[in-house]
Amino acid sequence: MEKWRRIWREGIAPQLSRSALLALQSALRRDDRRLLQGLVTAPPPLEANGSCAVVGGCAIGLCGWLGEDLTSVGAVEEYFSGICKAADAAFAEPAACRFFFNWFDEAPRAEMRRELLIEVTRALQQRTPIAA
């Protein structure tokens, strides 16, 4: 299994709420241009932008923004940081989440959308109770 996929499955996805995963799933399916590669948020998470409204985000940033109703760059950056710290802790490896973000940022958009949609759908299915 690719390292990015393992980091997603065992470190990142478990930290995300159902509403966050649904927001990401929707963005991936629709090729929502607010889903950004190479940035955590738009505007960028600089101190001067902390109170600015978010208009786009990476996979995790978008989860915080659209899935958790976080509206400011500062709030989404804090959410992003928390998810990354938890993912790193899950692997007991500093910056383990970088394997996911390196792939996410560098993969061609169509490939990223296709592969991440598979993973998001998988994570959602694992959370859905099977009817008796």
Protein backbone atom coordinates (compact mmCIF):
# COMPACT_ATOMS: atom_id res chain seq x y z
CA MET A 1 0.00 0.00 0.00
CA GLU A 2 1.29 3.45 -0.85
CA LYS A 3 2.49 5.46 2.14
CA TRP A 4 0.08 8.34 1.45
CA ARG A 5 -2.85 5.92 1.49
CA ARG A 6 -1.75 4.35 4.77
CA ILE A 7 -1.34 7.81 6.36
CA TRP A 8 -4.82 8.73 5.13
CA ARG A 9 -6.46 5.51 6.34
CA GLU A 10 -4.78 5.20 9.72
CA GLY A 11 -3.85 8.77 10.61
CA ILE A 12 -6.03 11.35 8.88
CA ALA A 13 -9.44 9.83 8.07
CA PRO A 14 -10.04 8.64 11.67
CA GLN A 15 -9.69 12.27 12.82
CA LEU A 16 -12.34 13.58 10.41
CA SER A 17 -16.03 13.75 11.23
CA ARG A 18 -18.68 12.30 8.96
CA SER A 19 -19.73 15.81 7.91
CA ALA A 20 -16.11 16.65 7.03
CA LEU A 21 -15.76 13.50 4.94
CA LEU A 22 -19.07 14.22 3.17
CA ALA A 23 -17.93 17.75 2.32
CA LEU A 24 -14.69 16.39 0.87
CA GLN A 25 -16.51 13.64 -1.02
CA SER A 26 -18.82 16.22 -2.61
CA ALA A 27 -15.90 18.46 -3.60
CA LEU A 28 -14.03 15.55 -5.15
CA ARG A 29 -17.05 14.34 -7.10
CA ARG A 30 -17.85 17.78 -8.50
CA ASP A 31 -14.24 18.83 -9.09
CA ASP A 32 -14.98 21.82 -6.89
CA ARG A 33 -12.38 24.47 -7.71
CA ARG A 34 -12.36 25.48 -4.05
CA LEU A 35 -10.47 22.24 -3.37
CA LEU A 36 -6.89 23.44 -3.70
CA GLN A 37 -3.61 21.65 -4.19
CA GLY A 38 -0.47 23.27 -2.84
CA LEU A 39 -2.20 25.48 -0.24
CA VAL A 40 -3.82 24.85 3.13
CA THR A 41 -6.25 27.73 2.63
CA ALA A 42 -6.98 30.62 0.35
CA PRO A 43 -6.13 33.21 1.41
CA PRO A 44 -2.92 31.66 2.75
CA PRO A 45 -2.67 30.98 6.49
CA LEU A 46 -0.57 34.00 7.40
CA GLU A 47 -1.05 35.87 10.66
CA ALA A 48 -2.39 38.91 8.80
CA ASN A 49 -5.08 36.71 7.18
CA GLY A 50 -6.20 35.00 10.39
CA SER A 51 -9.61 36.65 10.49
CA CYS A 52 -10.17 36.61 6.71
CA ALA A 53 -12.94 34.47 5.25
CA VAL A 54 -11.85 31.20 3.67
CA VAL A 55 -12.52 30.83 -0.05
CA GLY A 56 -10.66 27.57 -0.69
CA GLY A 57 -8.65 24.85 0.99
CA CYS A 58 -6.70 21.62 0.67
CA ALA A 59 -8.37 18.31 1.51
CA ILE A 60 -8.11 18.92 5.26
CA GLY A 61 -8.71 22.66 5.05
CA LEU A 62 -11.87 22.06 3.05
CA CYS A 63 -13.03 19.51 5.65
CA GLY A 64 -12.71 22.14 8.36
CA TRP A 65 -14.24 24.90 6.31
CA LEU A 66 -17.20 23.19 4.64
CA GLY A 67 -17.55 20.15 6.89
CA GLU A 68 -17.12 21.81 10.28
CA ASP A 69 -18.40 25.30 9.39
CA LEU A 70 -15.13 27.03 10.23
CA THR A 71 -15.13 30.31 8.35
CA SER A 72 -11.86 32.11 9.14
CA VAL A 73 -8.40 31.28 7.87
CA GLY A 74 -7.15 31.16 11.46
CA ALA A 75 -9.80 28.65 12.54
CA VAL A 76 -9.18 26.40 9.54
CA GLU A 77 -5.40 26.58 10.08
CA GLU A 78 -5.89 25.53 13.71
CA TYR A 79 -8.12 22.64 12.58
CA PHE A 80 -5.56 21.59 9.97
CA SER A 81 -2.78 21.66 12.54
CA GLY A 82 -4.79 19.54 14.97
CA ILE A 83 -5.55 16.91 12.32
CA CYS A 84 -1.88 16.77 11.30
CA LYS A 85 -0.67 16.46 14.90
CA ALA A 86 -3.11 13.64 15.55
CA ALA A 87 -2.06 11.85 12.36
CA ASP A 88 1.61 12.22 13.27
CA ALA A 89 0.89 10.86 16.76
CA ALA A 90 -0.92 7.85 15.28
CA PHE A 91 2.35 6.89 13.59
CA ALA A 92 4.63 8.13 16.38
CA GLU A 93 6.52 9.92 13.61
CA PRO A 94 7.02 13.67 13.33
CA ALA A 95 5.49 15.02 10.12
CA ALA A 96 4.12 11.63 9.04
CA CYS A 97 1.25 13.48 7.39
CA ARG A 98 3.72 14.92 4.86
CA PHE A 99 3.48 11.69 2.86
CA PHE A 100 -0.21 12.35 2.28
CA PHE A 101 0.27 16.03 1.48
CA ASN A 102 3.22 15.44 -0.84
CA TRP A 103 1.05 13.07 -2.85
CA PHE A 104 -2.04 15.30 -2.66
CA ASP A 105 -0.16 18.40 -3.81
CA GLU A 106 1.91 16.74 -6.55
CA ALA A 107 -0.52 14.26 -8.11
CA PRO A 108 -2.27 15.34 -11.29
CA ARG A 109 -5.67 16.69 -10.26
CA ALA A 110 -7.69 13.98 -12.03
CA GLU A 111 -5.64 11.23 -10.38
CA MET A 112 -5.82 12.92 -6.97
CA ARG A 113 -9.60 13.26 -7.23
CA ARG A 114 -10.11 9.67 -8.37
CA GLU A 115 -7.85 8.07 -5.76
CA LEU A 116 -8.88 10.26 -2.84
CA LEU A 117 -12.56 9.82 -3.66
CA ILE A 118 -12.06 6.06 -3.35
CA GLU A 119 -10.50 6.58 0.08
CA VAL A 120 -13.11 9.03 1.33
CA THR A 121 -15.93 6.74 0.21
CA ARG A 122 -14.21 3.82 1.93
CA ALA A 123 -13.88 5.80 5.16
CA LEU A 124 -17.57 6.73 5.04
CA GLN A 125 -18.63 3.14 4.35
CA GLN A 126 -16.64 1.93 7.33
CA ARG A 127 -18.60 4.29 9.55
CA THR A 128 -22.02 3.31 8.23
CA PRO A 129 -23.64 0.57 10.29
CA ILE A 130 -24.72 -2.42 8.25
CA ALA A 131 -28.46 -3.09 8.49
CA ALA A 132 -29.37 -6.41 10.07
